[in-house]
C-alpha atoms as a PDB file:
ATOM      1  CA  MET A   1      20.781   0.360  -7.221  1.00  0.00           C
ATOM      2  CA  LYS A   2      18.477   2.489  -9.412  1.00  0.00           C
ATOM      3  CA  ASN A   3      15.462   4.054  -8.504  1.00  0.00           C
ATOM      4  CA  ILE A   4      13.065   2.409 -11.179  1.00  0.00           C
ATOM      5  CA  TYR A   5       9.834   4.199  -9.631  1.00  0.00           C
ATOM      6  CA  SER A   6      10.814   8.223 -10.014  1.00  0.00           C
ATOM      7  CA  LEU A   7      10.501   9.809 -13.483  1.00  0.00           C
ATOM      8  CA  PRO A   8      13.844  10.637 -14.949  1.00  0.00           C
ATOM      9  CA  GLY A   9      13.770  14.175 -15.376  1.00  0.00           C
ATOM     10  CA  SER A  10      15.866  17.333 -16.594  1.00  0.00           C
ATOM     11  CA  GLY A  11      18.094  18.390 -12.881  1.00  0.00           C
ATOM     12  CA  LEU A  12      15.765  21.892 -13.548  1.00  0.00           C
ATOM     13  CA  ASN A  13      12.431  22.050 -12.392  1.00  0.00           C
ATOM     14  CA  GLY A  14      11.535  25.328 -14.536  1.00  0.00           C
ATOM     15  CA  LEU A  15      12.599  22.830 -17.837  1.00  0.00           C
ATOM     16  CA  ASP A  16      11.032  19.882 -16.134  1.00  0.00           C
ATOM     17  CA  GLU A  17       7.898  21.876 -16.436  1.00  0.00           C
ATOM     18  CA  ILE A  18       7.731  23.473 -19.481  1.00  0.00           C
ATOM     19  CA  LEU A  19       8.588  20.092 -21.241  1.00  0.00           C
ATOM     20  CA  THR A  20       5.338  18.658 -19.067  1.00  0.00           C
ATOM     21  CA  GLY A  21       7.666  16.060 -17.697  1.00  0.00           C
ATOM     22  CA  ILE A  22      10.070  13.685 -19.027  1.00  0.00           C
ATOM     23  CA  LEU A  23       9.357   9.998 -19.481  1.00  0.00           C
ATOM     24  CA  PRO A  24      11.873   7.038 -19.691  1.00  0.00           C
ATOM     25  CA  GLY A  25      13.043   7.085 -23.641  1.00  0.00           C
ATOM     26  CA  ASP A  26      12.741  10.595 -24.040  1.00  0.00           C
ATOM     27  CA  ASN A  27      15.212  12.238 -25.847  1.00  0.00           C
ATOM     28  CA  ILE A  28      15.933  16.022 -25.171  1.00  0.00           C
ATOM     29  CA  VAL A  29      18.295  17.374 -28.367  1.00  0.00           C
ATOM     30  CA  TRP A  30      19.803  20.972 -28.027  1.00  0.00           C
ATOM     31  CA  GLN A  31      20.429  23.110 -31.029  1.00  0.00           C
ATOM     32  CA  VAL A  32      23.175  25.321 -29.771  1.00  0.00           C
ATOM     33  CA  ASP A  33      25.563  27.784 -30.971  1.00  0.00           C
ATOM     34  CA  SER A  34      28.545  27.285 -28.952  1.00  0.00           C
ATOM     35  CA  ILE A  35      28.980  24.178 -25.964  1.00  0.00           C
ATOM     36  CA  GLU A  36      28.694  27.239 -22.822  1.00  0.00           C
ATOM     37  CA  ASP A  37      24.576  27.339 -24.263  1.00  0.00           C
ATOM     38  CA  TYR A  38      24.915  23.172 -23.564  1.00  0.00           C
ATOM     39  CA  ILE A  39      26.858  23.217 -20.346  1.00  0.00           C
ATOM     40  CA  PRO A  40      24.478  24.441 -17.840  1.00  0.00           C
ATOM     41  CA  PHE A  41      21.556  21.690 -18.687  1.00  0.00           C
ATOM     42  CA  VAL A  42      24.358  18.700 -18.934  1.00  0.00           C
ATOM     43  CA  HIS A  43      25.249  19.640 -16.089  1.00  0.00           C
ATOM     44  CA  PRO A  44      21.864  19.422 -13.765  1.00  0.00           C
ATOM     45  CA  PHE A  45      20.622  16.518 -15.957  1.00  0.00           C
ATOM     46  CA  CYS A  46      23.679  14.791 -14.767  1.00  0.00           C
ATOM     47  CA  ARG A  47      23.213  15.917 -10.769  1.00  0.00           C
ATOM     48  CA  LYS A  48      19.750  14.484 -11.304  1.00  0.00           C
ATOM     49  CA  SER A  49      21.069  11.482 -12.161  1.00  0.00           C
ATOM     50  CA  GLU A  50      23.345  10.422  -9.830  1.00  0.00           C
ATOM     51  CA  ASN A  51      21.258  11.406  -6.846  1.00  0.00           C
ATOM     52  CA  ASP A  52      18.394   9.236  -8.482  1.00  0.00           C
ATOM     53  CA  GLN A  53      21.193   6.919  -8.669  1.00  0.00           C
ATOM     54  CA  ARG A  54      20.716   5.903 -12.384  1.00  0.00           C
ATOM     55  CA  PRO A  55      23.505   4.593 -15.137  1.00  0.00           C
ATOM     56  CA  LEU A  56      24.825   8.087 -16.535  1.00  0.00           C
ATOM     57  CA  ILE A  57      26.535   7.475 -19.490  1.00  0.00           C
ATOM     58  CA  TYR A  58      28.734  10.054 -21.613  1.00  0.00           C
ATOM     59  CA  PHE A  59      28.706   9.610 -25.288  1.00  0.00           C
ATOM     60  CA  ARG A  60      32.435  11.351 -25.554  1.00  0.00           C
ATOM     61  CA  PHE A  61      33.661  12.385 -29.061  1.00  0.00           C
ATOM     62  CA  ALA A  62      34.271  15.338 -30.585  1.00  0.00           C
ATOM     63  CA  GLU A  63      37.361  17.936 -30.117  1.00  0.00           C
ATOM     64  CA  HIS A  64      35.999  20.079 -27.339  1.00  0.00           C
ATOM     65  CA  PRO A  65      36.376  19.521 -24.007  1.00  0.00           C
ATOM     66  CA  ALA A  66      34.644  17.099 -21.636  1.00  0.00           C
ATOM     67  CA  ILE A  67      31.384  18.207 -20.861  1.00  0.00           C
ATOM     68  CA  LEU A  68      30.562  16.850 -18.184  1.00  0.00           C
ATOM     69  CA  PRO A  69      30.830  18.199 -14.861  1.00  0.00           C
ATOM     70  CA  GLU A  70      33.264  17.553 -12.047  1.00  0.00           C
ATOM     71  CA  GLY A  71      33.367  15.229  -9.650  1.00  0.00           C
ATOM     72  CA  THR A  72      30.854  12.778 -12.014  1.00  0.00           C
ATOM     73  CA  SER A  73      30.696   9.367 -11.732  1.00  0.00           C
ATOM     74  CA  ALA A  74      29.874   8.378 -15.306  1.00  0.00           C
ATOM     75  CA  GLU A  75      30.833   5.766 -17.927  1.00  0.00           C
ATOM     76  CA  ILE A  76      32.854   6.748 -20.838  1.00  0.00           C
ATOM     77  CA  HIS A  77      32.372   5.874 -23.777  1.00  0.00           C
ATOM     78  CA  LEU A  78      35.437   7.254 -26.153  1.00  0.00           C
ATOM     79  CA  LEU A  79      33.819   6.757 -29.810  1.00  0.00           C
ATOM     80  CA  HIS A  80      35.610   7.660 -33.594  1.00  0.00           C
ATOM     81  CA  PRO A  81      33.299   9.189 -35.533  1.00  0.00           C
ATOM     82  CA  GLU A  82      35.484   9.008 -38.397  1.00  0.00           C
ATOM     83  CA  SER A  83      35.199   5.146 -38.178  1.00  0.00           C
ATOM     84  CA  GLY A  84      32.452   5.438 -40.066  1.00  0.00           C
ATOM     85  CA  PHE A  85      28.741   6.022 -39.316  1.00  0.00           C
ATOM     86  CA  GLU A  86      27.213   2.436 -39.356  1.00  0.00           C
ATOM     87  CA  THR A  87      30.376   1.684 -36.555  1.00  0.00           C
ATOM     88  CA  PHE A  88      29.619   4.593 -34.416  1.00  0.00           C
ATOM     89  CA  ILE A  89      25.796   4.239 -33.965  1.00  0.00           C
ATOM     90  CA  SER A  90      26.615   0.409 -33.518  1.00  0.00           C
ATOM     91  CA  GLU A  91      29.170   1.490 -30.795  1.00  0.00           C
ATOM     92  CA  ILE A  92      26.230   3.641 -29.286  1.00  0.00           C
ATOM     93  CA  PHE A  93      23.504   1.485 -29.830  1.00  0.00           C
ATOM     94  CA  ASP A  94      25.087  -1.555 -27.873  1.00  0.00           C
ATOM     95  CA  VAL A  95      25.892  -0.063 -24.805  1.00  0.00           C
ATOM     96  CA  ILE A  96      21.638   1.623 -24.335  1.00  0.00           C
ATOM     97  CA  GLU A  97      21.302  -2.530 -24.591  1.00  0.00           C
ATOM     98  CA  ARG A  98      24.124  -3.161 -22.037  1.00  0.00           C
ATOM     99  CA  VAL A  99      23.403  -0.831 -19.386  1.00  0.00           C
ATOM    100  CA  GLY A 100      19.410  -1.092 -19.944  1.00  0.00           C
ATOM    101  CA  THR A 101      16.275   0.231 -18.554  1.00  0.00           C
ATOM    102  CA  GLY A 102      16.782   3.534 -16.708  1.00  0.00           C
ATOM    103  CA  GLY A 103      20.051   4.498 -18.153  1.00  0.00           C
ATOM    104  CA  CYS A 104      20.655   8.593 -18.396  1.00  0.00           C
ATOM    105  CA  TYR A 105      22.958   9.753 -21.355  1.00  0.00           C
ATOM    106  CA  VAL A 106      25.012  12.498 -22.556  1.00  0.00           C
ATOM    107  CA  PHE A 107      26.657  12.992 -25.880  1.00  0.00           C
ATOM    108  CA  ASP A 108      29.153  15.437 -27.170  1.00  0.00           C
ATOM    109  CA  CYS A 109      28.043  18.404 -29.221  1.00  0.00           C
ATOM    110  CA  LEU A 110      28.176  17.527 -32.915  1.00  0.00           C
END
């Protein structure tokens, strides 16, 4: 059962303080130089989502190695951006609509 009463978080207390909290529906987008710069933010977020019993969804579409921490029980969706933007974004929206309130999402780097 998902914990709908606690606010979501990044899994990093210092980051949550800087952001003054994360509310349902917020998006955090990172501009990074390499995948190695992104992973230290993804792993704590995944662990926090699982600890809070929130559905964790991973959208996988890049050629870099998967970014989830080992042992994570995320629902993985393999997307194909080469099929075109409309198809790509429709698949994402369909999943988000199905999961509903409380879902936590991780995306590959573009």
